[in-house]
Amino acid sequence: MFTKNESNELIEVLKYVGDNLGPQINELAVKIVESFRNGGKVILMGNGGSAGDAQHIAAEFVGRYKKERRSYPALALNTNTSTITAIGNDYGYDVTFSRQVEGFANKGDVVIGISTSGNSVNVHKAMEVAKLKGCYTAAFLGKDGGTIKNAVDLPIIVKSNNTPRIQECHIFIGHTLCELVEKEI
């Protein structure tokens, strides 16, 4: 049976985001705007629910968020099942994203990993490759940020151990980024 506990938990975690993560969200929005203005793109990735979030945010940039405007270049690396399964089969699942970053990312792009645990090996490896390629790296993370927090330029950590609440905050952060970018460009 539904109780207010679930919504109260979400309100608490969103309050944490609002009280603590504004500077990081603003910084990432500035980097995305800078990348788009300089011909760069946003590359996102995640596993499971975070894959859905990556795909959703990429779609908001390519299509539109709230206003009519030109398409912004963004892609989610978890959407091409042929690529993921070929890389997974030939090289292993841990490099499914880093192999794609190697092929798609260019200096000046923004690469965003999403991981509720902060410990997704394939996201971590992709962040390492992105940094080597001269990309700006950010991650939407949960819990304590895991190992990925030390592998990126900008960790955005939703400090909660409740995976659904973390995911809800991640999509809120993604929507907020889309709105900030649309207002600026």
Protein backbone atom coordinates (compact mmCIF):
# COMPACT_ATOMS: atom_id res chain seq x y z
CA MET A 1 0.00 0.00 0.00
CA PHE A 2 1.25 3.47 -0.87
CA THR A 3 2.31 5.62 2.03
CA LYS A 4 3.78 9.10 2.21
CA ASN A 5 7.16 7.59 3.10
CA GLU A 6 8.22 7.22 -0.54
CA SER A 7 7.35 10.78 -1.49
CA ASN A 8 8.88 12.10 1.74
CA GLU A 9 12.12 10.24 0.97
CA LEU A 10 12.20 11.80 -2.49
CA ILE A 11 11.54 15.26 -1.08
CA GLU A 12 14.44 14.82 1.36
CA VAL A 13 16.85 13.71 -1.36
CA LEU A 14 15.72 16.48 -3.75
CA LYS A 15 16.21 18.97 -0.91
CA TYR A 16 19.78 17.69 -0.60
CA VAL A 17 20.27 18.22 -4.34
CA GLY A 18 18.85 21.76 -4.16
CA ASP A 19 20.87 22.70 -1.09
CA ASN A 20 24.19 21.17 -2.14
CA LEU A 21 24.58 20.45 -5.85
CA GLY A 22 23.65 23.75 -7.53
CA PRO A 23 27.25 24.85 -8.14
CA GLN A 24 28.14 21.51 -9.77
CA ILE A 25 25.01 21.53 -11.95
CA ASN A 26 25.77 25.10 -13.06
CA GLU A 27 29.39 24.20 -13.83
CA LEU A 28 28.32 21.28 -15.98
CA ALA A 29 25.76 23.42 -17.83
CA VAL A 30 28.50 25.97 -18.62
CA LYS A 31 30.79 23.21 -19.94
CA ILE A 32 28.00 21.78 -22.12
CA VAL A 33 27.17 25.21 -23.57
CA GLU A 34 30.86 25.81 -24.25
CA SER A 35 31.17 22.44 -25.97
CA PHE A 36 28.09 22.98 -28.15
CA ARG A 37 29.24 26.47 -29.13
CA ASN A 38 32.64 25.07 -30.15
CA GLY A 39 31.22 22.25 -32.27
CA GLY A 40 31.44 19.59 -29.58
CA LYS A 41 28.90 17.10 -28.34
CA VAL A 42 27.64 15.44 -25.18
CA ILE A 43 28.18 11.71 -24.77
CA LEU A 44 26.27 9.88 -22.02
CA MET A 45 26.24 6.34 -20.70
CA GLY A 46 24.91 4.14 -17.93
CA ASN A 47 23.68 0.66 -17.10
CA GLY A 48 20.11 -0.43 -16.34
CA GLY A 49 18.00 2.49 -15.12
CA SER A 50 20.98 4.78 -15.63
CA ALA A 51 21.06 3.69 -19.28
CA GLY A 52 17.46 4.86 -19.55
CA ASP A 53 18.44 8.19 -17.99
CA ALA A 54 21.37 8.60 -20.39
CA GLN A 55 19.11 7.90 -23.35
CA HIS A 56 16.43 10.26 -22.02
CA ILE A 57 18.85 13.17 -21.51
CA ALA A 58 20.43 12.66 -24.95
CA ALA A 59 16.95 12.74 -26.50
CA GLU A 60 16.13 16.03 -24.74
CA PHE A 61 19.26 17.63 -26.23
CA VAL A 62 18.77 16.24 -29.74
CA GLY A 63 15.02 16.85 -29.88
CA ARG A 64 14.03 19.62 -27.54
CA TYR A 65 13.40 20.11 -23.89
CA LYS A 66 10.97 23.02 -23.52
CA LYS A 67 11.49 25.35 -26.45
CA GLU A 68 11.84 25.16 -30.19
CA ARG A 69 15.50 25.40 -31.13
CA ARG A 70 18.17 23.74 -33.20
CA SER A 71 19.18 20.22 -32.33
CA TYR A 72 22.15 19.86 -29.98
CA PRO A 73 24.54 16.95 -30.65
CA ALA A 74 24.23 14.29 -27.96
CA LEU A 75 24.30 10.51 -27.90
CA ALA A 76 23.85 7.72 -25.39
CA LEU A 77 26.37 4.91 -25.80
CA ASN A 78 24.05 2.29 -24.33
CA THR A 79 21.48 2.41 -27.14
CA ASN A 80 23.14 0.42 -29.94
CA THR A 81 22.71 -3.22 -28.97
CA SER A 82 24.78 -4.49 -31.90
CA THR A 83 27.74 -2.38 -30.80
CA ILE A 84 27.35 -3.27 -27.12
CA THR A 85 27.03 -7.00 -27.76
CA ALA A 86 29.86 -7.08 -30.30
CA ILE A 87 32.25 -5.27 -27.96
CA GLY A 88 31.05 -7.35 -25.00
CA ASN A 89 31.55 -10.57 -26.92
CA ASP A 90 34.91 -9.66 -28.47
CA TYR A 91 36.52 -7.69 -25.63
CA GLY A 92 34.34 -8.01 -22.51
CA TYR A 93 31.53 -6.00 -20.97
CA ASP A 94 33.91 -3.81 -18.95
CA VAL A 95 35.00 -1.99 -22.13
CA THR A 96 31.61 -1.58 -23.84
CA PHE A 97 31.67 2.18 -23.25
CA SER A 98 35.41 2.93 -23.34
CA ARG A 99 35.69 1.39 -26.81
CA GLN A 100 32.91 3.67 -28.02
CA VAL A 101 34.43 6.74 -26.34
CA GLU A 102 37.66 5.88 -28.13
CA GLY A 103 35.79 5.94 -31.45
CA PHE A 104 33.33 8.82 -30.94
CA ALA A 105 34.79 11.32 -28.49
CA ASN A 106 36.84 14.33 -29.51
CA LYS A 107 38.74 16.90 -27.52
CA GLY A 108 36.27 19.42 -26.11
CA ASP A 109 33.33 17.03 -25.89
CA VAL A 110 31.53 16.54 -22.57
CA VAL A 111 31.30 12.91 -21.46
CA ILE A 112 28.82 12.08 -18.70
CA GLY A 113 28.65 8.75 -16.93
CA ILE A 114 25.68 7.77 -14.78
CA SER A 115 26.05 5.20 -11.99
CA THR A 116 23.91 4.95 -8.87
CA SER A 117 26.64 2.97 -7.08
CA GLY A 118 29.54 4.96 -8.48
CA ASN A 119 31.33 1.70 -9.13
CA SER A 120 30.28 0.64 -12.66
CA VAL A 121 33.52 -0.63 -14.17
CA ASN A 122 32.50 0.06 -17.78
CA VAL A 123 31.58 3.68 -16.92
CA HIS A 124 34.81 4.15 -14.96
CA LYS A 125 36.95 2.88 -17.85
CA ALA A 126 35.09 5.16 -20.29
CA MET A 127 35.82 8.19 -18.10
CA GLU A 128 39.53 7.34 -18.14
CA VAL A 129 39.58 7.14 -21.94
CA ALA A 130 37.56 10.36 -22.26
CA LYS A 131 40.06 12.25 -20.11
CA LEU A 132 42.95 10.94 -22.22
CA LYS A 133 41.14 12.25 -25.30
CA GLY A 134 40.81 15.75 -23.81
CA CYS A 135 37.12 15.60 -22.96
CA TYR A 136 35.52 17.21 -19.94
CA THR A 137 34.19 14.38 -17.77
CA ALA A 138 31.31 14.42 -15.32
CA ALA A 139 29.31 11.76 -13.55
CA PHE A 140 25.91 11.54 -11.89
CA LEU A 141 26.57 9.25 -8.95
CA GLY A 142 24.90 7.95 -5.81
CA LYS A 143 25.88 6.74 -2.37
CA ASP A 144 29.42 8.02 -1.63
CA GLY A 145 30.35 8.42 -5.32
CA GLY A 146 32.24 5.13 -5.46
CA THR A 147 35.42 4.85 -7.50
CA ILE A 148 34.11 6.97 -10.37
CA LYS A 149 34.16 10.16 -8.27
CA ASN A 150 37.96 10.13 -8.52
CA ALA A 151 38.00 9.39 -12.26
CA VAL A 152 36.07 12.48 -13.44
CA ASP A 153 36.52 16.24 -13.54
CA LEU A 154 33.13 16.81 -11.91
CA PRO A 155 31.37 14.25 -9.71
CA ILE A 156 27.73 15.11 -8.96
CA ILE A 157 26.89 12.84 -6.04
CA VAL A 158 23.37 12.28 -4.75
CA LYS A 159 24.22 11.14 -1.21
CA SER A 160 21.62 8.47 -0.70
CA ASN A 161 21.73 4.68 -0.50
CA ASN A 162 18.24 4.35 -1.99
CA THR A 163 18.69 3.51 -5.68
CA PRO A 164 15.21 4.61 -6.86
CA ARG A 165 15.58 7.99 -5.10
CA ILE A 166 19.06 8.42 -6.61
CA GLN A 167 17.68 7.69 -10.10
CA GLU A 168 14.82 10.15 -9.61
CA CYS A 169 17.31 12.83 -8.66
CA HIS A 170 19.57 11.98 -11.60
CA ILE A 171 16.77 12.60 -14.10
CA PHE A 172 15.87 15.81 -12.25
CA ILE A 173 19.51 16.93 -12.60
CA GLY A 174 19.46 15.96 -16.29
CA HIS A 175 16.28 17.95 -16.90
CA THR A 176 17.73 20.92 -15.03
CA LEU A 177 20.83 20.80 -17.25
CA CYS A 178 18.68 20.73 -20.39
CA GLU A 179 16.76 23.77 -19.20
CA LEU A 180 19.89 25.72 -18.28
CA VAL A 181 21.51 24.94 -21.63
CA GLU A 182 18.39 25.93 -23.59
CA LYS A 183 18.17 29.23 -21.74
CA GLU A 184 21.82 30.03 -22.42
CA ILE A 185 22.09 29.17 -26.12
